[in-house]
Amino acid sequence: MEIKGINEIDIKGKKVFIRVDFNVPLDEKLEITNDKRIRASIPTIEYAVNQCAKVILASHLGRPKGKKKPELSLKPIAKRLSELLGKNVLFADDVVGRTVREAINSLKDGDILLLENLRFYPFEEANDEQFSKELASYCDVYINDAFGTAHRAHASTEGMARFAKEVGCGFLMKKEIEYLSKVIENPERPFIAILGGAKVSDKIGVIKNLLKKVDALIIGGAMSYTFLKAKGILVGKSLVEDDKLEIAREILLSADSSNVKLMLPLDHIVVDKIDAKSYSCNSENENIPDNMIGVDIGSKTIQIYLNEIEKGKTIFWNGPMGIFEIEPFSKGTFAIAKGVAKCSGTTVVGGGDSVSAVSKANVSDKITHISTGGGASLEFIEGIELPGVKALKR
C-alpha cells in the first residue's frame, strides 16, 4: 500500500486526530439501536490509546445540513463508546473554537476526546479550506478510519489531510482497501459478482467495470426486471426503469462479447400487490403475468444461482434478491447469503442491505469481509479513486 497504517507511524505521546464513522441509527429517545460502526472503530482507537497518544475523534451523524440540531448530537455516542472501551471518553460540545482547543491542549497521554457533529458546520461538507486548516492544526497525526465516508471530499475526510503534518489510515480503512483491491485487481478465479437491489441506474458504472473483471455476473432484485424487459421478456407490473432499457441491452451485448456469463432470473415469486398477506406464487418461467409483480427470485433460480456461487473462488455481493424486509419475499436473499457463506474462497459483501441480509441470516462470521461503506465500496468497485483514500497517499 502507498498509504501508511497507524501502526507504521510513530504516534507515542502525539495528538492524533482520528476521523471515525459514528453515523449510527438513533431511536426517538436518542438511544443507539445499532452500534456496529462504533465497534468497528475500536481496534484503531485502542491502539492509539495503548501508544499513549492524545486521541481526538471526529464524526458526522445524520444530515443536519450545517445547523446545530440537538437530536443529532454525538453525546450519546461518547457514552456508548465509554462503555465499550471501559474508559471515560471526554466530549466537546463543539468542533472549533477556543473551548475545543483548550480541551485538546489539556489532554493527557491516553485520553480520548470526541468532538461534536462535524456537519453542524456547513464548512464540513463544503470542504472549506480554512475549516480544514483549523481541524488539521489540532493534531500531529491525521488518521482516517471512516471508509464509509471516503467517497466524500469533505473537510474531515479530504481537506484536512492536505494540511496535517503526517497522515495515515486506521485498521478498518486498511482492511477495506486491501480486500476491495484484491477483488478488483487480483481475484482468484472463478470471480463471481452478485448484484441486486432496485435500480439498474444505481449500478451502471459498477456493472460496466465488473464485466471487465468477472467470470460470471449474477443479477437479482428489481433491477433484473429492467434487463428481462430489455430482452423482450414479460415482467407484468414489476418495477422497471424504462429509460434504462437501451443501457441494459448494451450491457447484455457487452457481457456476451466479453464471454462473461450474465445470469438473470428464470422464475420469480410474484404477487398481486406488495403486502405480506397478498396472494403469491412461484411463476412457471421467466415471464411474469400481466397483473402480477415480481418480488423475489424463484426456487429454480435460487438453485441455479447457488450452483454457480459454489464454483466461486472470489465473490463480491451487493444488493438483495427481492423485497427481503417482508418475510414471505426474503427466501431468495437469505438463500444467497447462506450460499456465499459456504464458499471456501474470498467473500466480500459490499455494504447496505446485503450486510443486513447476512446478519439476519446469521452468517456474518462466515464472510471474509463485510464492508462498512455501501456507497464507498460500490464506487471503489466501479474503479473510482475515492477522495478520502487518495488524500492519504503521500
Protein backbone atom coordinates (compact mmCIF):
# COMPACT_ATOMS: atom_id res chain seq x y z
CA MET A 1 0.00 0.00 0.00
CA GLU A 2 1.08 3.56 -0.71
CA ILE A 3 -0.79 4.54 2.45
CA LYS A 4 0.76 4.23 5.90
CA GLY A 5 -1.21 2.39 8.54
CA ILE A 6 -1.49 3.85 12.03
CA ASN A 7 0.87 1.12 13.26
CA GLU A 8 3.53 2.34 10.81
CA ILE A 9 3.59 5.86 12.27
CA ASP A 10 5.20 7.00 15.50
CA ILE A 11 2.24 8.33 17.48
CA LYS A 12 3.58 7.96 21.03
CA GLY A 13 2.64 10.99 23.09
CA LYS A 14 1.34 12.80 19.99
CA LYS A 15 -2.02 14.39 19.29
CA VAL A 16 -3.76 12.01 16.89
CA PHE A 17 -6.92 13.11 15.07
CA ILE A 18 -8.94 10.04 14.01
CA ARG A 19 -11.82 10.52 11.58
CA VAL A 20 -14.25 7.75 12.51
CA ASP A 21 -17.70 6.84 11.18
CA PHE A 22 -20.13 7.05 14.08
CA ASN A 23 -23.14 7.67 11.84
CA VAL A 24 -25.30 5.21 13.77
CA PRO A 25 -29.10 4.91 13.95
CA LEU A 26 -30.87 6.52 16.93
CA ASP A 27 -34.44 5.98 18.10
CA GLU A 28 -36.89 8.65 19.28
CA LYS A 29 -35.31 8.50 22.76
CA LEU A 30 -31.90 9.26 21.14
CA GLU A 31 -30.68 5.79 22.07
CA ILE A 32 -28.39 3.88 19.69
CA THR A 33 -30.20 0.98 18.02
CA ASN A 34 -27.13 -0.48 16.27
CA ASP A 35 -23.57 0.21 17.45
CA LYS A 36 -21.77 -1.85 14.80
CA ARG A 37 -19.96 1.17 13.35
CA ILE A 38 -18.74 2.23 16.78
CA ARG A 39 -17.43 -1.27 17.48
CA ALA A 40 -15.64 -1.31 14.11
CA SER A 41 -13.53 1.68 15.13
CA ILE A 42 -12.38 0.27 18.47
CA PRO A 43 -9.18 -1.54 17.33
CA THR A 44 -7.78 1.72 15.92
CA ILE A 45 -8.80 3.76 18.98
CA GLU A 46 -7.42 1.20 21.43
CA TYR A 47 -4.13 1.03 19.52
CA ALA A 48 -3.75 4.81 19.75
CA VAL A 49 -4.57 4.79 23.47
CA ASN A 50 -2.09 1.97 24.12
CA GLN A 51 0.55 4.03 22.33
CA CYS A 52 -0.14 6.84 24.85
CA ALA A 53 -1.44 9.14 22.11
CA LYS A 54 -3.77 12.02 22.87
CA VAL A 55 -6.76 10.91 20.84
CA ILE A 56 -9.17 13.33 19.14
CA LEU A 57 -12.16 11.64 17.49
CA ALA A 58 -14.45 13.27 14.94
CA SER A 59 -17.50 12.07 13.01
CA HIS A 60 -20.74 13.19 11.43
CA LEU A 61 -24.20 11.96 12.37
CA GLY A 62 -27.21 12.26 10.10
CA ARG A 63 -27.87 15.26 7.88
CA PRO A 64 -28.13 18.41 9.98
CA LYS A 65 -27.28 20.48 6.87
CA GLY A 66 -24.90 22.87 8.59
CA LYS A 67 -27.14 23.61 11.57
CA LYS A 68 -26.82 22.58 15.21
CA LYS A 69 -29.56 20.06 15.92
CA PRO A 70 -29.61 18.61 19.49
CA GLU A 71 -31.21 15.37 18.27
CA LEU A 72 -28.12 14.74 16.12
CA SER A 73 -25.56 15.39 18.84
CA LEU A 74 -22.75 12.86 19.28
CA LYS A 75 -23.13 12.95 23.06
CA PRO A 76 -24.94 9.55 23.21
CA ILE A 77 -22.09 8.10 21.13
CA ALA A 78 -19.49 9.31 23.66
CA LYS A 79 -21.43 7.49 26.38
CA ARG A 80 -21.67 4.25 24.38
CA LEU A 81 -18.00 4.39 23.36
CA SER A 82 -17.02 4.82 27.02
CA GLU A 83 -18.96 1.64 27.84
CA LEU A 84 -17.36 -0.33 25.00
CA LEU A 85 -13.82 0.81 25.83
CA GLY A 86 -14.22 0.60 29.60
CA LYS A 87 -12.67 4.05 29.66
CA ASN A 88 -14.07 7.56 30.01
CA VAL A 89 -14.44 9.38 26.71
CA LEU A 90 -14.43 13.15 27.04
CA PHE A 91 -16.90 15.13 24.96
CA ALA A 92 -16.53 18.58 23.39
CA ASP A 93 -19.85 20.24 22.63
CA ASP A 94 -18.38 21.99 19.59
CA VAL A 95 -16.00 21.32 16.69
CA VAL A 96 -13.98 24.51 16.51
CA GLY A 97 -13.29 27.45 18.80
CA ARG A 98 -11.40 28.37 21.97
CA THR A 99 -13.09 25.83 24.27
CA VAL A 100 -12.34 22.97 21.88
CA ARG A 101 -8.70 23.99 21.57
CA GLU A 102 -8.40 24.26 25.36
CA ALA A 103 -9.92 20.79 25.77
CA ILE A 104 -7.43 19.36 23.24
CA ASN A 105 -4.45 21.12 24.88
CA SER A 106 -5.42 19.73 28.29
CA LEU A 107 -5.46 16.10 27.07
CA LYS A 108 -3.07 13.72 28.80
CA ASP A 109 -1.41 10.70 27.18
CA GLY A 110 -4.07 8.05 26.54
CA ASP A 111 -7.02 10.44 26.87
CA ILE A 112 -9.84 10.39 24.33
CA LEU A 113 -11.89 13.42 23.26
CA LEU A 114 -14.88 13.15 20.93
CA LEU A 115 -15.82 16.33 19.08
CA GLU A 116 -19.41 17.33 18.33
CA ASN A 117 -21.08 16.52 15.00
CA LEU A 118 -18.87 17.82 12.17
CA ARG A 119 -21.87 18.52 9.96
CA PHE A 120 -23.22 21.10 12.40
CA TYR A 121 -20.95 23.34 10.33
CA PRO A 122 -21.65 23.87 6.59
CA PHE A 123 -17.87 24.17 6.07
CA GLU A 124 -17.51 20.39 6.59
CA GLU A 125 -19.43 19.26 3.52
CA ALA A 126 -18.20 22.29 1.55
CA ASN A 127 -14.61 21.11 2.19
CA ASP A 128 -13.78 24.67 3.25
CA GLU A 129 -10.02 25.28 3.28
CA GLN A 130 -9.96 27.41 6.43
CA PHE A 131 -12.10 24.88 8.30
CA SER A 132 -9.78 22.09 7.10
CA LYS A 133 -6.72 24.00 8.31
CA GLU A 134 -8.33 24.58 11.70
CA LEU A 135 -9.05 20.87 12.15
CA ALA A 136 -5.55 19.93 10.96
CA SER A 137 -3.98 22.35 13.46
CA TYR A 138 -5.34 20.24 16.33
CA CYS A 139 -3.05 17.30 15.65
CA ASP A 140 0.40 15.96 14.91
CA VAL A 141 -1.01 12.97 13.02
CA TYR A 142 -4.22 12.63 10.99
CA ILE A 143 -5.73 9.14 10.69
CA ASN A 144 -8.77 8.33 8.56
CA ASP A 145 -10.63 5.22 9.68
CA ALA A 146 -14.02 6.18 8.20
CA PHE A 147 -14.20 4.20 4.96
CA GLY A 148 -17.96 4.77 4.77
CA THR A 149 -17.32 8.46 4.07
CA ALA A 150 -14.18 8.04 1.90
CA HIS A 151 -16.16 8.76 -1.27
CA ARG A 152 -16.97 12.25 0.05
CA ALA A 153 -14.48 15.11 -0.39
CA HIS A 154 -15.31 16.82 2.90
CA ALA A 155 -13.07 18.84 5.21
CA SER A 156 -12.52 15.98 7.67
CA THR A 157 -12.13 13.27 5.01
CA GLU A 158 -10.08 15.03 2.35
CA GLY A 159 -9.37 18.69 3.10
CA MET A 160 -7.51 18.45 6.40
CA ALA A 161 -5.28 15.64 5.11
CA ARG A 162 -3.61 18.23 2.87
CA PHE A 163 -2.59 20.32 5.87
CA ALA A 164 -1.81 17.68 8.53
CA LYS A 165 1.85 17.07 9.37
CA GLU A 166 1.53 13.31 8.92
CA VAL A 167 -1.31 11.18 7.59
CA GLY A 168 -2.34 7.53 7.56
CA CYS A 169 -5.24 5.10 7.81
CA GLY A 170 -6.73 3.14 10.67
CA PHE A 171 -7.10 -0.63 10.78
CA LEU A 172 -10.67 -0.58 9.44
CA MET A 173 -9.81 1.62 6.45
CA LYS A 174 -6.73 -0.50 5.69
CA LYS A 175 -8.78 -3.71 5.75
CA GLU A 176 -11.41 -2.21 3.43
CA ILE A 177 -8.82 -1.07 0.89
CA GLU A 178 -6.94 -4.38 0.96
CA TYR A 179 -9.98 -6.60 0.42
CA LEU A 180 -11.70 -4.42 -2.18
CA SER A 181 -8.40 -4.00 -4.03
CA LYS A 182 -7.95 -7.77 -4.05
CA VAL A 183 -11.41 -8.23 -5.55
CA ILE A 184 -10.79 -5.75 -8.35
CA GLU A 185 -7.07 -6.13 -9.03
CA ASN A 186 -6.14 -9.70 -8.20
CA PRO A 187 -9.13 -12.01 -7.74
CA GLU A 188 -8.68 -15.75 -7.52
CA ARG A 189 -10.80 -17.33 -10.23
CA PRO A 190 -13.58 -18.02 -10.88
CA PHE A 191 -14.58 -14.50 -9.81
CA ILE A 192 -18.35 -14.15 -9.39
CA ALA A 193 -20.18 -10.90 -8.70
CA ILE A 194 -23.75 -10.83 -7.40
CA LEU A 195 -25.74 -7.62 -7.79
CA GLY A 196 -29.26 -6.93 -6.61
CA GLY A 197 -31.35 -4.04 -5.44
CA ALA A 198 -34.00 -1.89 -7.03
CA LYS A 199 -32.35 0.13 -9.78
CA VAL A 200 -30.01 -0.52 -12.67
CA SER A 201 -29.24 3.22 -12.69
CA ASP A 202 -27.53 2.96 -9.29
CA LYS A 203 -25.07 0.36 -10.58
CA ILE A 204 -24.37 1.04 -14.27
CA GLY A 205 -20.75 2.03 -13.63
CA VAL A 206 -20.23 -0.92 -11.30
CA ILE A 207 -21.64 -3.38 -13.82
CA LYS A 208 -19.53 -1.99 -16.68
CA ASN A 209 -16.34 -2.24 -14.63
CA LEU A 210 -17.16 -5.70 -13.29
CA LEU A 211 -17.76 -7.03 -16.82
CA LYS A 212 -14.04 -6.44 -17.44
CA LYS A 213 -13.13 -8.47 -14.35
CA VAL A 214 -15.60 -11.25 -13.59
CA ASP A 215 -16.22 -14.73 -14.94
CA ALA A 216 -19.91 -14.58 -14.05
CA LEU A 217 -22.33 -11.81 -13.08
CA ILE A 218 -25.48 -12.83 -11.22
CA ILE A 219 -28.33 -10.31 -11.18
CA GLY A 220 -31.39 -10.32 -8.94
CA GLY A 221 -33.73 -7.86 -7.28
CA ALA A 222 -35.96 -5.39 -9.09
CA MET A 223 -33.06 -4.33 -11.32
CA SER A 224 -33.32 -7.72 -13.02
CA TYR A 225 -36.75 -6.80 -14.45
CA THR A 226 -35.23 -3.97 -16.49
CA PHE A 227 -32.79 -6.46 -18.03
CA LEU A 228 -35.54 -9.02 -18.63
CA LYS A 229 -37.77 -6.44 -20.33
CA ALA A 230 -34.79 -5.37 -22.45
CA LYS A 231 -34.65 -8.99 -23.67
CA GLY A 232 -38.34 -8.93 -24.59
CA ILE A 233 -39.45 -10.99 -21.59
CA LEU A 234 -42.79 -10.17 -19.91
CA VAL A 235 -42.39 -8.54 -16.49
CA GLY A 236 -46.02 -7.73 -15.60
CA LYS A 237 -46.35 -4.78 -13.19
CA SER A 238 -42.82 -5.22 -11.79
CA LEU A 239 -40.58 -2.24 -11.19
CA VAL A 240 -38.77 -1.32 -14.41
CA GLU A 241 -36.62 1.64 -15.41
CA ASP A 242 -37.87 2.15 -18.95
CA ASP A 243 -35.33 4.90 -19.60
CA LYS A 244 -32.53 2.41 -18.91
CA LEU A 245 -33.68 -0.33 -21.33
CA GLU A 246 -31.17 0.66 -24.00
CA ILE A 247 -28.30 0.66 -21.49
CA ALA A 248 -29.46 -2.76 -20.29
CA ARG A 249 -29.32 -4.05 -23.89
CA GLU A 250 -25.80 -2.64 -24.27
CA ILE A 251 -24.71 -4.38 -21.06
CA LEU A 252 -26.18 -7.69 -22.24
CA LEU A 253 -24.32 -7.39 -25.56
CA SER A 254 -21.10 -6.40 -23.76
CA ALA A 255 -21.32 -9.45 -21.49
CA ASP A 256 -21.87 -11.69 -24.50
CA SER A 257 -18.93 -10.25 -26.44
CA SER A 258 -16.69 -10.43 -23.33
CA ASN A 259 -17.57 -14.08 -22.74
CA VAL A 260 -18.96 -13.24 -19.30
CA LYS A 261 -21.83 -15.38 -18.06
CA LEU A 262 -24.56 -12.85 -17.17
CA MET A 263 -27.28 -14.67 -15.24
CA LEU A 264 -30.85 -13.41 -14.89
CA PRO A 265 -33.80 -15.00 -13.01
CA LEU A 266 -35.52 -17.92 -14.73
CA ASP A 267 -38.51 -17.80 -12.39
CA HIS A 268 -39.91 -15.48 -9.73
CA ILE A 269 -42.04 -15.13 -6.64
CA VAL A 270 -44.93 -12.99 -7.88
CA VAL A 271 -47.75 -11.20 -6.06
CA ASP A 272 -50.87 -9.24 -6.96
CA LYS A 273 -49.87 -6.47 -4.52
CA ILE A 274 -46.84 -5.80 -2.33
CA ASP A 275 -48.12 -6.97 1.02
CA ALA A 276 -47.06 -9.83 3.29
CA LYS A 277 -50.62 -11.20 3.21
CA SER A 278 -51.12 -10.84 -0.53
CA TYR A 279 -51.63 -13.77 -2.89
CA SER A 280 -48.24 -15.06 -4.05
CA CYS A 281 -46.92 -17.92 -6.14
CA ASN A 282 -43.81 -19.11 -7.96
CA SER A 283 -44.01 -18.25 -11.65
CA GLU A 284 -43.78 -21.10 -14.13
CA ASN A 285 -40.89 -19.48 -16.03
CA GLU A 286 -39.09 -16.17 -16.54
CA ASN A 287 -42.25 -14.43 -17.77
CA ILE A 288 -44.39 -12.61 -15.20
CA PRO A 289 -48.18 -12.44 -15.79
CA ASP A 290 -49.57 -9.01 -16.74
CA ASN A 291 -51.37 -8.43 -13.44
CA MET A 292 -48.52 -9.63 -11.17
CA ILE A 293 -45.40 -8.08 -9.58
CA GLY A 294 -42.05 -9.79 -9.14
CA VAL A 295 -40.81 -9.57 -5.53
CA ASP A 296 -38.11 -12.27 -5.25
CA ILE A 297 -36.22 -14.83 -7.28
CA GLY A 298 -37.98 -18.17 -7.65
CA SER A 299 -36.98 -21.64 -6.44
CA LYS A 300 -35.44 -22.72 -9.77
CA THR A 301 -33.36 -19.53 -9.94
CA ILE A 302 -32.18 -19.95 -6.35
CA GLN A 303 -30.79 -23.40 -7.13
CA ILE A 304 -29.11 -22.30 -10.38
CA TYR A 305 -27.54 -19.27 -8.66
CA LEU A 306 -26.31 -21.39 -5.73
CA ASN A 307 -24.74 -23.91 -8.12
CA GLU A 308 -22.81 -21.06 -9.76
CA ILE A 309 -21.81 -19.46 -6.45
CA GLU A 310 -20.44 -22.81 -5.26
CA LYS A 311 -17.80 -22.64 -8.03
CA GLY A 312 -16.52 -19.22 -6.94
CA LYS A 313 -13.06 -18.58 -5.50
CA THR A 314 -13.75 -14.84 -5.21
CA ILE A 315 -17.25 -13.48 -4.63
CA PHE A 316 -18.47 -9.90 -4.37
CA TRP A 317 -22.11 -9.34 -3.38
CA ASN A 318 -24.10 -6.11 -3.21
CA GLY A 319 -27.87 -5.86 -3.15
CA PRO A 320 -30.78 -8.16 -2.15
CA MET A 321 -32.56 -10.56 -4.49
CA GLY A 322 -36.02 -9.28 -3.59
CA ILE A 323 -38.03 -7.30 -1.03
CA PHE A 324 -36.36 -9.22 1.78
CA GLU A 325 -37.66 -6.87 4.51
CA ILE A 326 -41.04 -8.60 4.02
CA GLU A 327 -40.64 -12.16 5.32
CA PRO A 328 -42.51 -14.04 2.54
CA PHE A 329 -40.27 -12.36 -0.04
CA SER A 330 -36.95 -12.97 1.74
CA LYS A 331 -36.21 -16.56 0.75
CA GLY A 332 -34.03 -15.72 -2.26
CA THR A 333 -31.86 -13.18 -0.46
CA PHE A 334 -31.28 -15.41 2.57
CA ALA A 335 -30.51 -18.41 0.34
CA ILE A 336 -27.86 -16.37 -1.48
CA ALA A 337 -26.45 -15.15 1.86
CA LYS A 338 -26.05 -18.74 3.06
CA GLY A 339 -24.61 -19.79 -0.30
CA VAL A 340 -21.97 -17.06 -0.21
CA ALA A 341 -21.14 -18.02 3.39
CA LYS A 342 -20.43 -21.61 2.31
CA CYS A 343 -17.92 -20.51 -0.31
CA SER A 344 -14.38 -21.55 0.60
CA GLY A 345 -12.76 -18.65 -1.27
CA THR A 346 -12.65 -14.90 -0.55
CA THR A 347 -16.11 -13.46 0.00
CA VAL A 348 -16.78 -9.73 0.20
CA VAL A 349 -20.18 -8.25 0.97
CA GLY A 350 -20.42 -4.61 -0.05
CA GLY A 351 -22.49 -2.60 2.37
CA GLY A 352 -26.14 -1.64 2.70
CA ASP A 353 -28.94 -4.20 2.56
CA SER A 354 -26.53 -7.05 1.83
CA VAL A 355 -24.89 -6.52 5.23
CA SER A 356 -28.31 -6.61 6.87
CA ALA A 357 -29.12 -9.81 4.95
CA VAL A 358 -26.01 -11.73 6.07
CA SER A 359 -26.66 -10.55 9.62
CA LYS A 360 -30.29 -11.70 9.59
CA ALA A 361 -29.23 -15.00 8.01
CA ASN A 362 -26.75 -15.44 10.91
CA VAL A 363 -23.76 -15.97 8.61
CA SER A 364 -21.78 -12.73 9.16
CA ASP A 365 -18.96 -14.65 10.85
CA LYS A 366 -18.54 -16.82 7.75
CA ILE A 367 -17.99 -13.90 5.33
CA THR A 368 -14.34 -12.98 4.68
CA HIS A 369 -15.01 -9.24 4.68
CA ILE A 370 -18.15 -7.18 5.24
CA SER A 371 -17.70 -3.61 4.05
CA THR A 372 -18.82 -0.78 6.33
CA GLY A 373 -19.35 1.59 3.41
CA GLY A 374 -22.13 0.88 0.91
CA GLY A 375 -21.64 3.87 -1.40
CA ALA A 376 -17.88 3.93 -0.88
CA SER A 377 -17.44 0.23 -1.62
CA LEU A 378 -19.53 0.48 -4.79
CA GLU A 379 -17.51 3.43 -6.08
CA PHE A 380 -14.29 1.56 -5.28
CA ILE A 381 -15.54 -1.48 -7.23
CA GLU A 382 -16.56 0.87 -10.05
CA GLY A 383 -12.90 1.89 -10.30
CA ILE A 384 -13.31 5.41 -8.94
CA GLU A 385 -10.47 6.69 -6.77
CA LEU A 386 -12.07 7.78 -3.52
CA PRO A 387 -11.12 11.30 -2.32
CA GLY A 388 -10.67 10.11 1.26
CA VAL A 389 -8.28 7.37 0.14
CA LYS A 390 -6.37 9.48 -2.37
CA ALA A 391 -5.77 12.14 0.30
CA LEU A 392 -3.79 9.64 2.39
CA LYS A 393 -1.28 8.95 -0.38
CA ARG A 394 1.93 10.88 0.16
